[in-house]
Each structure stands twice: as C-alpha cells, then as structure tokens.
C-alpha cells in the first residue's frame, strides 16, 4: 500500500498545483472523485492490464463517468487520464484522489471528523458540537456522523489521529483499567 501512495503522491501534488493555480480545486475534486470511483470499480479492475484492451479503450472507459466534458477542464482531465494509462498508473487513481483531497483540505483549513454517537443527533446538537470542534481545532470541520448504540451514551470524536472519547462505554473502560491498577 505504501508503494501505491508513493506512486500517487507526485501525480496528486502536480494536479493540486495545477488546480490551485487555476482556481479549479472544487471542479478537480469532483472530477477526481468520479475517476477514482470508476478506477476502483470491480468491472474496471478486471480490465486493467488486459492485453485485449487498448489504451484508447481504457481511457474512454475511465472518462465515461465524466460525461461530455468539454473545454479546458475536459481537455485537462483527458490529458491526465491519458498520462495515467500510458504510464500504467490507473491503479493509483484512488490514492491520487485521497492525497489530492488531503492537500485541498489543508489549503482550505478543513479537517475530516468522524463523530460516533450512541443516539441520533438533531441539527442543533450537531451544529453545537461542530462549532465547539472548530473552536478547539481552529479549522473548519466536515463531520461524518455514525450512530453506534453500543456506546451506551455520549459521543466519540475522531479528528485525524486524535480521539476524544466522551462515551459511557469509554468511561466504564477507563474505570475498569483504573480499578485493575
């Protein structure tokens, strides 16, 4: 897996530099999402490396989810996909997209956050929690909320590699460790 990330990083950085300079980060983010989804599909994975499939056919299959994109953005996407196919780097496309998104989030001051809650959060609760997290981390927070009844109560928040565990289950586990010591 480290090898794929090593291969993908230069492509992602070059594409990010191009998109950032042109002010087209959101468009490229959407385009890369579609391309990565296509490249990661089981059908296309089976075709990559098939000697019966020409580079032109593979390029067309990858570009199909983009529709009839024309103009400069479409030409750039086509050139990017063509370069990946010719260099036999299509398998790295999902990693290119992940690295690109990480660079984009860093540029925009945004952080991906996972919130696990024992119960569904209403809009007011989620807004308040997100506001508190933005204040603490001094960045915009893009939250993904999951409901996990096994937490018993409270929420667990994961921001990058930092975890804030305010769940009943987490407190019980901490108490069990303290009692054993």
N, C-alpha and C. Protein backbone atom coordinates (compact mmCIF):
# COMPACT_ATOMS: atom_id res chain seq x y z
N UNK A 1 0.82 -1.19 0.00
CA UNK A 1 0.00 0.00 0.00
C UNK A 1 0.87 1.26 0.00
N UNK A 2 2.00 1.19 0.71
CA UNK A 2 2.89 2.34 0.73
C UNK A 2 3.42 2.64 -0.67
N UNK A 3 3.60 1.59 -1.46
CA UNK A 3 4.12 1.77 -2.81
C UNK A 3 3.12 2.56 -3.67
N UNK A 4 1.84 2.24 -3.55
CA UNK A 4 0.82 2.95 -4.33
C UNK A 4 0.79 4.42 -3.92
N UNK A 5 0.87 4.70 -2.62
CA UNK A 5 0.88 6.09 -2.15
C UNK A 5 2.12 6.82 -2.65
N UNK A 6 3.24 6.13 -2.70
CA UNK A 6 4.48 6.74 -3.19
C UNK A 6 4.35 7.09 -4.67
N UNK A 7 3.71 6.22 -5.43
CA UNK A 7 3.50 6.46 -6.85
C UNK A 7 2.48 7.59 -7.04
N UNK A 8 1.44 7.60 -6.22
CA UNK A 8 0.34 8.54 -6.39
C UNK A 8 0.69 9.97 -5.98
N UNK A 9 1.56 10.13 -4.99
CA UNK A 9 1.84 11.47 -4.46
C UNK A 9 2.30 12.49 -5.51
N UNK A 10 3.27 12.17 -6.37
CA UNK A 10 3.69 13.18 -7.36
C UNK A 10 2.55 13.58 -8.31
N UNK A 11 1.72 12.63 -8.69
CA UNK A 11 0.58 12.95 -9.55
C UNK A 11 -0.39 13.87 -8.82
N UNK A 12 -0.69 13.53 -7.57
CA UNK A 12 -1.63 14.34 -6.79
C UNK A 12 -1.09 15.75 -6.55
N UNK A 13 0.18 15.85 -6.22
CA UNK A 13 0.78 17.17 -5.96
C UNK A 13 0.81 18.01 -7.23
N UNK A 14 1.15 17.41 -8.35
CA UNK A 14 1.19 18.15 -9.61
C UNK A 14 -0.21 18.61 -10.00
N UNK A 15 -1.17 17.74 -9.86
CA UNK A 15 -2.55 18.08 -10.19
C UNK A 15 -3.09 19.15 -9.24
N UNK A 16 -2.74 19.04 -7.97
CA UNK A 16 -3.17 20.04 -6.99
C UNK A 16 -2.57 21.41 -7.33
N UNK A 17 -1.31 21.42 -7.68
CA UNK A 17 -0.65 22.67 -8.05
C UNK A 17 -1.32 23.31 -9.26
N UNK A 18 -1.62 22.49 -10.25
CA UNK A 18 -2.30 22.97 -11.45
C UNK A 18 -3.69 23.53 -11.11
N UNK A 19 -4.47 22.76 -10.34
CA UNK A 19 -5.83 23.17 -9.99
C UNK A 19 -5.83 24.39 -9.08
N UNK A 20 -4.91 24.44 -8.14
CA UNK A 20 -4.84 25.57 -7.22
C UNK A 20 -4.48 26.85 -7.97
N UNK A 21 -3.52 26.75 -8.87
CA UNK A 21 -3.12 27.91 -9.67
C UNK A 21 -4.22 28.41 -10.57
N UNK A 22 -5.05 27.50 -11.07
CA UNK A 22 -6.15 27.88 -11.97
C UNK A 22 -7.43 28.20 -11.21
N UNK A 23 -7.43 27.98 -9.90
CA UNK A 23 -8.63 28.24 -9.11
C UNK A 23 -9.74 27.24 -9.37
N UNK A 24 -9.36 26.01 -9.70
CA UNK A 24 -10.36 24.99 -10.05
C UNK A 24 -10.31 23.79 -9.09
N UNK A 25 -9.98 24.03 -7.83
CA UNK A 25 -9.92 22.93 -6.86
C UNK A 25 -11.25 22.18 -6.74
N UNK A 26 -12.39 22.87 -6.60
CA UNK A 26 -13.66 22.12 -6.48
C UNK A 26 -13.98 21.27 -7.71
N UNK A 27 -13.72 21.81 -8.90
CA UNK A 27 -14.00 21.06 -10.12
C UNK A 27 -13.12 19.81 -10.21
N UNK A 28 -11.84 19.97 -9.90
CA UNK A 28 -10.93 18.83 -9.95
C UNK A 28 -11.25 17.82 -8.86
N UNK A 29 -11.71 18.30 -7.71
CA UNK A 29 -12.11 17.40 -6.64
C UNK A 29 -13.25 16.51 -7.10
N UNK A 30 -14.23 17.10 -7.75
CA UNK A 30 -15.37 16.35 -8.27
C UNK A 30 -14.92 15.39 -9.38
N UNK A 31 -14.09 15.88 -10.29
CA UNK A 31 -13.60 15.05 -11.40
C UNK A 31 -12.80 13.86 -10.87
N UNK A 32 -11.89 14.11 -9.94
CA UNK A 32 -11.09 13.02 -9.39
C UNK A 32 -11.95 12.01 -8.64
N UNK A 33 -12.99 12.50 -7.97
CA UNK A 33 -13.90 11.59 -7.28
C UNK A 33 -14.54 10.62 -8.25
N UNK A 34 -15.00 11.13 -9.38
CA UNK A 34 -15.63 10.28 -10.40
C UNK A 34 -14.62 9.32 -11.02
N UNK A 35 -13.43 9.84 -11.31
CA UNK A 35 -12.39 8.99 -11.91
C UNK A 35 -11.94 7.89 -10.95
N UNK A 36 -11.77 8.24 -9.68
CA UNK A 36 -11.34 7.25 -8.68
C UNK A 36 -12.41 6.18 -8.49
N UNK A 37 -13.66 6.61 -8.51
CA UNK A 37 -14.75 5.64 -8.37
C UNK A 37 -14.76 4.68 -9.56
N UNK A 38 -14.57 5.23 -10.75
CA UNK A 38 -14.52 4.39 -11.95
C UNK A 38 -13.34 3.42 -11.88
N UNK A 39 -12.16 3.94 -11.53
CA UNK A 39 -10.95 3.10 -11.48
C UNK A 39 -11.04 2.05 -10.39
N UNK A 40 -11.77 2.34 -9.33
CA UNK A 40 -11.90 1.39 -8.23
C UNK A 40 -13.01 0.38 -8.40
N UNK A 41 -13.82 0.53 -9.45
CA UNK A 41 -14.93 -0.40 -9.66
C UNK A 41 -14.41 -1.80 -10.00
N UNK A 42 -15.15 -2.80 -9.59
CA UNK A 42 -14.74 -4.19 -9.83
C UNK A 42 -14.64 -4.48 -11.32
N UNK A 43 -15.56 -3.92 -12.10
CA UNK A 43 -15.54 -4.17 -13.54
C UNK A 43 -14.26 -3.66 -14.18
N UNK A 44 -13.89 -2.42 -13.84
CA UNK A 44 -12.70 -1.84 -14.45
C UNK A 44 -11.43 -2.48 -13.90
N UNK A 45 -11.44 -2.86 -12.63
CA UNK A 45 -10.28 -3.53 -12.05
C UNK A 45 -9.96 -4.81 -12.82
N UNK A 46 -11.00 -5.50 -13.27
CA UNK A 46 -10.80 -6.71 -14.04
C UNK A 46 -10.24 -6.45 -15.43
N UNK A 47 -10.46 -5.24 -15.93
CA UNK A 47 -10.00 -4.92 -17.29
C UNK A 47 -8.60 -4.30 -17.32
N UNK A 48 -8.18 -3.70 -16.21
CA UNK A 48 -6.86 -3.07 -16.18
C UNK A 48 -5.79 -4.15 -16.36
N UNK A 49 -4.93 -3.93 -17.31
CA UNK A 49 -3.88 -4.90 -17.60
C UNK A 49 -4.28 -5.97 -18.59
N UNK A 50 -5.53 -5.93 -19.05
CA UNK A 50 -5.99 -6.89 -20.05
C UNK A 50 -5.34 -6.54 -21.38
N UNK A 51 -4.57 -7.47 -21.96
CA UNK A 51 -3.87 -7.15 -23.22
C UNK A 51 -4.82 -6.93 -24.40
N UNK A 52 -6.07 -7.39 -24.29
CA UNK A 52 -7.03 -7.21 -25.37
C UNK A 52 -7.62 -5.80 -25.39
N UNK A 53 -7.44 -5.09 -24.28
CA UNK A 53 -7.99 -3.73 -24.16
C UNK A 53 -6.92 -2.71 -24.51
N UNK A 54 -7.20 -1.89 -25.50
CA UNK A 54 -6.22 -0.87 -25.91
C UNK A 54 -6.23 0.28 -24.91
N UNK A 55 -5.14 1.06 -24.94
CA UNK A 55 -5.08 2.26 -24.09
C UNK A 55 -6.25 3.19 -24.38
N UNK A 56 -6.59 3.37 -25.64
CA UNK A 56 -7.70 4.24 -26.04
C UNK A 56 -9.02 3.79 -25.42
N UNK A 57 -9.26 2.47 -25.42
CA UNK A 57 -10.48 1.93 -24.84
C UNK A 57 -10.51 2.14 -23.33
N UNK A 58 -9.36 1.94 -22.68
CA UNK A 58 -9.29 2.14 -21.23
C UNK A 58 -9.51 3.61 -20.88
N UNK A 59 -8.93 4.50 -21.65
CA UNK A 59 -9.12 5.94 -21.44
C UNK A 59 -10.60 6.28 -21.57
N UNK A 60 -11.25 5.77 -22.60
CA UNK A 60 -12.67 6.03 -22.81
C UNK A 60 -13.52 5.50 -21.66
N UNK A 61 -13.17 4.32 -21.15
CA UNK A 61 -13.92 3.75 -20.02
C UNK A 61 -13.76 4.61 -18.77
N UNK A 62 -12.55 5.11 -18.54
CA UNK A 62 -12.32 5.95 -17.36
C UNK A 62 -13.01 7.31 -17.47
N UNK A 63 -13.05 7.85 -18.68
CA UNK A 63 -13.65 9.17 -18.88
C UNK A 63 -15.17 9.13 -18.99
N UNK A 64 -15.75 7.95 -19.19
CA UNK A 64 -17.20 7.82 -19.37
C UNK A 64 -18.02 8.45 -18.24
N UNK A 65 -17.64 8.27 -16.96
CA UNK A 65 -18.45 8.88 -15.89
C UNK A 65 -18.45 10.41 -15.89
N UNK A 66 -17.48 11.00 -16.59
CA UNK A 66 -17.42 12.46 -16.64
C UNK A 66 -18.43 13.03 -17.63
N UNK A 67 -18.99 12.20 -18.47
CA UNK A 67 -19.95 12.65 -19.47
C UNK A 67 -19.25 13.39 -20.59
N UNK A 68 -19.96 14.27 -21.22
CA UNK A 68 -19.43 15.04 -22.36
C UNK A 68 -18.75 16.31 -21.86
N UNK A 69 -17.70 16.16 -21.07
CA UNK A 69 -16.97 17.31 -20.57
C UNK A 69 -16.17 17.91 -21.72
N UNK A 70 -16.36 19.19 -21.92
CA UNK A 70 -15.62 19.84 -23.00
C UNK A 70 -14.90 21.06 -22.45
N UNK A 71 -14.12 21.65 -23.27
CA UNK A 71 -13.38 22.84 -22.86
C UNK A 71 -12.09 22.49 -22.18
N UNK A 72 -11.52 23.48 -21.49
CA UNK A 72 -10.21 23.33 -20.88
C UNK A 72 -10.19 22.26 -19.79
N UNK A 73 -11.23 22.25 -18.94
CA UNK A 73 -11.27 21.28 -17.85
C UNK A 73 -11.36 19.86 -18.41
N UNK A 74 -12.19 19.66 -19.42
CA UNK A 74 -12.33 18.33 -20.03
C UNK A 74 -11.05 17.89 -20.71
N UNK A 75 -10.39 18.82 -21.37
CA UNK A 75 -9.13 18.50 -22.04
C UNK A 75 -8.05 18.14 -21.02
N UNK A 76 -8.03 18.86 -19.90
CA UNK A 76 -7.04 18.58 -18.86
C UNK A 76 -7.30 17.22 -18.22
N UNK A 77 -8.57 16.89 -17.98
CA UNK A 77 -8.91 15.59 -17.41
C UNK A 77 -8.52 14.48 -18.37
N UNK A 78 -8.79 14.69 -19.64
CA UNK A 78 -8.44 13.69 -20.66
C UNK A 78 -6.92 13.50 -20.72
N UNK A 79 -6.18 14.60 -20.68
CA UNK A 79 -4.71 14.52 -20.70
C UNK A 79 -4.19 13.80 -19.45
N UNK A 80 -4.80 14.09 -18.31
CA UNK A 80 -4.40 13.45 -17.05
C UNK A 80 -4.64 11.94 -17.11
N UNK A 81 -5.82 11.55 -17.54
CA UNK A 81 -6.15 10.12 -17.63
C UNK A 81 -5.26 9.44 -18.66
N UNK A 82 -5.01 10.09 -19.77
CA UNK A 82 -4.14 9.53 -20.80
C UNK A 82 -2.74 9.28 -20.23
N UNK A 83 -2.23 10.24 -19.46
CA UNK A 83 -0.91 10.08 -18.86
C UNK A 83 -0.89 8.90 -17.89
N UNK A 84 -1.95 8.76 -17.08
CA UNK A 84 -2.01 7.64 -16.13
C UNK A 84 -2.05 6.30 -16.87
N UNK A 85 -2.84 6.23 -17.92
CA UNK A 85 -2.97 4.98 -18.68
C UNK A 85 -1.64 4.64 -19.35
N UNK A 86 -1.03 5.61 -20.00
CA UNK A 86 0.23 5.35 -20.71
C UNK A 86 1.35 4.95 -19.76
N UNK A 87 1.33 5.50 -18.54
CA UNK A 87 2.35 5.16 -17.55
C UNK A 87 1.96 3.97 -16.68
N UNK A 88 0.81 3.35 -17.00
CA UNK A 88 0.32 2.19 -16.26
C UNK A 88 0.16 2.49 -14.78
N UNK A 89 -0.50 3.64 -14.51
CA UNK A 89 -0.71 4.09 -13.13
C UNK A 89 -2.19 4.21 -12.77
N UNK A 90 -3.07 3.57 -13.53
CA UNK A 90 -4.50 3.68 -13.28
C UNK A 90 -4.86 3.16 -11.89
N UNK A 91 -4.19 2.13 -11.43
CA UNK A 91 -4.47 1.56 -10.11
C UNK A 91 -4.19 2.56 -8.99
N UNK A 92 -3.37 3.56 -9.26
CA UNK A 92 -3.04 4.57 -8.25
C UNK A 92 -4.08 5.68 -8.18
N UNK A 93 -5.04 5.69 -9.07
CA UNK A 93 -6.01 6.79 -9.15
C UNK A 93 -6.78 7.02 -7.84
N UNK A 94 -7.28 5.99 -7.15
CA UNK A 94 -7.94 6.25 -5.86
C UNK A 94 -7.01 6.91 -4.84
N UNK A 95 -5.74 6.52 -4.83
CA UNK A 95 -4.78 7.15 -3.91
C UNK A 95 -4.47 8.58 -4.33
N UNK A 96 -4.41 8.83 -5.63
CA UNK A 96 -4.21 10.20 -6.12
C UNK A 96 -5.35 11.08 -5.61
N UNK A 97 -6.57 10.57 -5.69
CA UNK A 97 -7.73 11.34 -5.23
C UNK A 97 -7.66 11.60 -3.73
N UNK A 98 -7.30 10.61 -2.94
CA UNK A 98 -7.21 10.79 -1.49
C UNK A 98 -6.14 11.82 -1.12
N UNK A 99 -4.99 11.74 -1.75
CA UNK A 99 -3.91 12.69 -1.46
C UNK A 99 -4.32 14.09 -1.90
N UNK A 100 -4.95 14.19 -3.07
CA UNK A 100 -5.44 15.49 -3.57
C UNK A 100 -6.42 16.10 -2.57
N UNK A 101 -7.35 15.29 -2.08
CA UNK A 101 -8.34 15.79 -1.12
C UNK A 101 -7.67 16.25 0.18
N UNK A 102 -6.65 15.53 0.61
CA UNK A 102 -5.91 15.93 1.80
C UNK A 102 -5.22 17.28 1.60
N UNK A 103 -4.60 17.47 0.44
CA UNK A 103 -3.96 18.75 0.13
C UNK A 103 -4.99 19.88 0.03
N UNK A 104 -6.14 19.57 -0.56
CA UNK A 104 -7.22 20.55 -0.70
C UNK A 104 -7.75 20.95 0.68
N UNK A 105 -7.98 19.96 1.54
CA UNK A 105 -8.46 20.25 2.90
C UNK A 105 -7.47 21.10 3.67
N UNK A 106 -6.18 20.79 3.49
CA UNK A 106 -5.14 21.57 4.17
C UNK A 106 -5.14 23.01 3.68
N UNK A 107 -5.28 23.22 2.39
CA UNK A 107 -5.31 24.55 1.80
C UNK A 107 -6.52 25.34 2.32
N UNK A 108 -7.68 24.65 2.42
CA UNK A 108 -8.91 25.31 2.82
C UNK A 108 -9.08 25.38 4.34
N UNK A 109 -8.16 24.78 5.08
CA UNK A 109 -8.26 24.80 6.53
C UNK A 109 -9.41 23.95 7.04
N UNK A 110 -9.66 22.82 6.37
CA UNK A 110 -10.76 21.94 6.73
C UNK A 110 -10.19 20.62 7.25
N UNK A 111 -10.90 20.03 8.19
CA UNK A 111 -10.47 18.74 8.73
C UNK A 111 -11.67 17.79 8.71
N UNK A 112 -11.40 16.55 8.27
CA UNK A 112 -12.42 15.49 8.29
C UNK A 112 -12.57 15.02 9.73
N UNK A 113 -13.81 14.86 10.16
CA UNK A 113 -14.08 14.45 11.53
C UNK A 113 -15.12 13.35 11.52
N UNK A 114 -14.88 12.33 12.30
CA UNK A 114 -15.88 11.27 12.46
C UNK A 114 -16.45 11.37 13.86
N UNK A 115 -17.77 11.43 13.93
CA UNK A 115 -18.47 11.52 15.20
C UNK A 115 -19.31 10.26 15.35
N UNK A 116 -19.02 9.48 16.39
CA UNK A 116 -19.82 8.31 16.71
C UNK A 116 -20.67 8.67 17.91
N UNK A 117 -21.98 8.48 17.78
CA UNK A 117 -22.91 8.85 18.83
C UNK A 117 -23.78 7.65 19.19
N UNK A 118 -24.13 7.54 20.47
CA UNK A 118 -24.99 6.44 20.90
C UNK A 118 -26.41 6.61 20.36
N UNK A 119 -26.80 7.86 20.15
CA UNK A 119 -28.14 8.17 19.66
C UNK A 119 -28.04 9.17 18.52
N UNK A 120 -29.05 9.22 17.65
CA UNK A 120 -29.03 10.22 16.56
C UNK A 120 -28.96 11.63 17.13
N UNK A 121 -28.14 12.48 16.51
CA UNK A 121 -28.02 13.87 16.92
C UNK A 121 -28.96 14.72 16.07
N UNK A 122 -29.68 15.65 16.73
CA UNK A 122 -30.51 16.56 15.94
C UNK A 122 -29.62 17.68 15.40
N UNK A 123 -30.17 18.51 14.55
CA UNK A 123 -29.38 19.55 13.88
C UNK A 123 -28.74 20.51 14.87
N UNK A 124 -29.46 20.88 15.92
CA UNK A 124 -28.93 21.82 16.91
C UNK A 124 -27.75 21.22 17.66
N UNK A 125 -27.87 19.95 18.05
CA UNK A 125 -26.79 19.28 18.77
C UNK A 125 -25.55 19.16 17.88
N UNK A 126 -25.77 18.77 16.64
CA UNK A 126 -24.64 18.61 15.71
C UNK A 126 -23.98 19.95 15.44
N UNK A 127 -24.75 20.99 15.23
CA UNK A 127 -24.20 22.32 14.98
C UNK A 127 -23.37 22.80 16.16
N UNK A 128 -23.88 22.59 17.37
CA UNK A 128 -23.16 23.00 18.57
C UNK A 128 -21.85 22.22 18.72
N UNK A 129 -21.91 20.91 18.47
CA UNK A 129 -20.70 20.08 18.57
C UNK A 129 -19.67 20.49 17.52
N UNK A 130 -20.11 20.73 16.30
CA UNK A 130 -19.20 21.15 15.23
C UNK A 130 -18.59 22.51 15.57
N UNK A 131 -19.38 23.43 16.09
CA UNK A 131 -18.86 24.75 16.47
C UNK A 131 -17.79 24.61 17.55
N UNK A 132 -18.03 23.75 18.54
CA UNK A 132 -17.04 23.53 19.60
C UNK A 132 -15.76 22.92 19.03
N UNK A 133 -15.89 21.98 18.11
CA UNK A 133 -14.72 21.35 17.50
C UNK A 133 -13.94 22.35 16.65
N UNK A 134 -14.65 23.20 15.91
CA UNK A 134 -13.97 24.22 15.11
C UNK A 134 -13.21 25.19 16.00
N UNK A 135 -13.77 25.52 17.14
CA UNK A 135 -13.10 26.41 18.09
C UNK A 135 -11.84 25.74 18.64
N UNK A 136 -11.96 24.46 18.99
CA UNK A 136 -10.83 23.74 19.57
C UNK A 136 -9.71 23.52 18.57
N UNK A 137 -10.05 23.13 17.34
CA UNK A 137 -9.03 22.80 16.35
C UNK A 137 -8.67 23.96 15.43
N UNK A 138 -9.38 25.07 15.57
CA UNK A 138 -9.12 26.27 14.76
C UNK A 138 -9.11 25.97 13.26
N UNK A 139 -10.04 25.14 12.84
CA UNK A 139 -10.22 24.77 11.44
C UNK A 139 -11.70 24.50 11.19
N UNK A 140 -12.08 24.55 9.93
CA UNK A 140 -13.44 24.15 9.57
C UNK A 140 -13.55 22.64 9.73
N UNK A 141 -14.68 22.19 10.23
CA UNK A 141 -14.89 20.77 10.47
C UNK A 141 -15.94 20.24 9.51
N UNK A 142 -15.59 19.16 8.81
CA UNK A 142 -16.55 18.45 7.95
C UNK A 142 -16.81 17.13 8.66
N UNK A 143 -18.01 17.01 9.24
CA UNK A 143 -18.32 15.89 10.12
C UNK A 143 -19.09 14.78 9.40
N UNK A 144 -18.69 13.57 9.71
CA UNK A 144 -19.42 12.37 9.29
C UNK A 144 -19.94 11.74 10.58
N UNK A 145 -21.25 11.60 10.69
CA UNK A 145 -21.86 11.11 11.92
C UNK A 145 -22.32 9.67 11.74
N UNK A 146 -21.97 8.84 12.70
CA UNK A 146 -22.39 7.43 12.73
C UNK A 146 -23.09 7.19 14.06
N UNK A 147 -24.17 6.42 14.05
CA UNK A 147 -24.86 6.04 15.28
C UNK A 147 -24.39 4.65 15.66
N UNK A 148 -23.92 4.52 16.91
CA UNK A 148 -23.42 3.24 17.43
C UNK A 148 -24.03 3.02 18.81
N UNK A 149 -25.13 2.27 18.90
CA UNK A 149 -25.81 2.07 20.19
C UNK A 149 -24.94 1.40 21.25
N UNK A 150 -23.88 0.70 20.83
CA UNK A 150 -23.00 0.03 21.80
C UNK A 150 -22.22 1.02 22.66
N UNK A 151 -22.24 2.29 22.30
CA UNK A 151 -21.52 3.30 23.10
C UNK A 151 -22.27 3.62 24.38
N UNK A 152 -23.50 3.20 24.50
CA UNK A 152 -24.39 3.38 25.64
C UNK A 152 -24.89 4.82 25.75
N UNK A 153 -24.01 5.79 25.72
CA UNK A 153 -24.38 7.20 25.78
C UNK A 153 -23.18 8.05 25.43
N UNK A 154 -23.40 9.31 25.06
CA UNK A 154 -22.32 10.22 24.74
C UNK A 154 -21.85 10.11 23.30
N UNK A 155 -20.71 10.76 23.00
CA UNK A 155 -20.14 10.74 21.66
C UNK A 155 -18.64 10.50 21.73
N UNK A 156 -18.13 9.94 20.62
CA UNK A 156 -16.68 9.79 20.43
C UNK A 156 -16.36 10.52 19.14
N UNK A 157 -15.36 11.40 19.21
CA UNK A 157 -14.99 12.22 18.06
C UNK A 157 -13.56 11.86 17.65
N UNK A 158 -13.37 11.62 16.34
CA UNK A 158 -12.04 11.35 15.83
C UNK A 158 -11.69 12.42 14.81
N UNK A 159 -10.63 13.18 15.11
CA UNK A 159 -10.13 14.21 14.22
C UNK A 159 -8.69 13.84 13.91
N UNK A 160 -8.48 13.36 12.68
CA UNK A 160 -7.14 12.87 12.33
C UNK A 160 -6.81 11.68 13.19
N UNK A 161 -5.69 11.75 13.91
CA UNK A 161 -5.32 10.64 14.79
C UNK A 161 -5.66 10.91 16.25
N UNK A 162 -6.36 12.02 16.51
CA UNK A 162 -6.78 12.36 17.88
C UNK A 162 -8.21 11.90 18.11
N UNK A 163 -8.43 11.23 19.25
CA UNK A 163 -9.76 10.74 19.61
C UNK A 163 -10.18 11.37 20.92
N UNK A 164 -11.38 11.93 20.93
CA UNK A 164 -11.97 12.47 22.14
C UNK A 164 -13.14 11.54 22.48
N UNK A 165 -12.98 10.78 23.56
CA UNK A 165 -13.98 9.78 23.92
C UNK A 165 -14.79 10.27 25.11
N UNK A 166 -16.01 10.71 24.84
CA UNK A 166 -16.93 11.16 25.88
C UNK A 166 -18.10 10.20 26.02
N UNK A 167 -17.86 8.92 25.74
CA UNK A 167 -18.94 7.94 25.80
C UNK A 167 -18.98 7.26 27.15
N UNK A 168 -20.13 6.75 27.50
CA UNK A 168 -20.29 5.99 28.74
C UNK A 168 -19.43 4.73 28.67
N UNK A 169 -19.43 4.10 27.53
CA UNK A 169 -18.62 2.89 27.36
C UNK A 169 -17.14 3.19 27.58
N UNK A 170 -16.66 4.31 27.03
CA UNK A 170 -15.27 4.71 27.22
C UNK A 170 -14.94 5.00 28.67
N UNK A 171 -15.85 5.64 29.36
CA UNK A 171 -15.63 5.94 30.79
C UNK A 171 -15.61 4.66 31.62
N UNK A 172 -16.51 3.72 31.30
CA UNK A 172 -16.52 2.44 32.00
C UNK A 172 -15.22 1.68 31.78
N UNK A 173 -14.70 1.72 30.55
CA UNK A 173 -13.44 1.04 30.26
C UNK A 173 -12.29 1.69 31.03
N UNK A 174 -12.30 3.02 31.12
CA UNK A 174 -11.25 3.74 31.87
C UNK A 174 -11.34 3.39 33.35
N UNK A 175 -12.56 3.28 33.87
CA UNK A 175 -12.73 2.92 35.27
C UNK A 175 -12.23 1.49 35.52
N UNK A 176 -12.47 0.59 34.58
CA UNK A 176 -12.01 -0.80 34.74
C UNK A 176 -10.48 -0.86 34.77
N UNK A 177 -9.83 -0.08 33.95
CA UNK A 177 -8.37 -0.03 33.93
C UNK A 177 -7.86 0.54 35.24
N UNK A 178 -8.51 1.61 35.72
CA UNK A 178 -8.08 2.24 36.99
C UNK A 178 -8.26 1.26 38.16
N UNK A 179 -9.31 0.50 38.17
CA UNK A 179 -9.56 -0.45 39.26
C UNK A 179 -8.55 -1.60 39.25
N UNK A 180 -8.11 -1.99 38.04
CA UNK A 180 -7.12 -3.08 37.94
C UNK A 180 -5.76 -2.64 38.46
N UNK A 181 -5.48 -1.33 38.36
CA UNK A 181 -4.19 -0.82 38.82
C UNK A 181 -4.30 -0.55 40.27
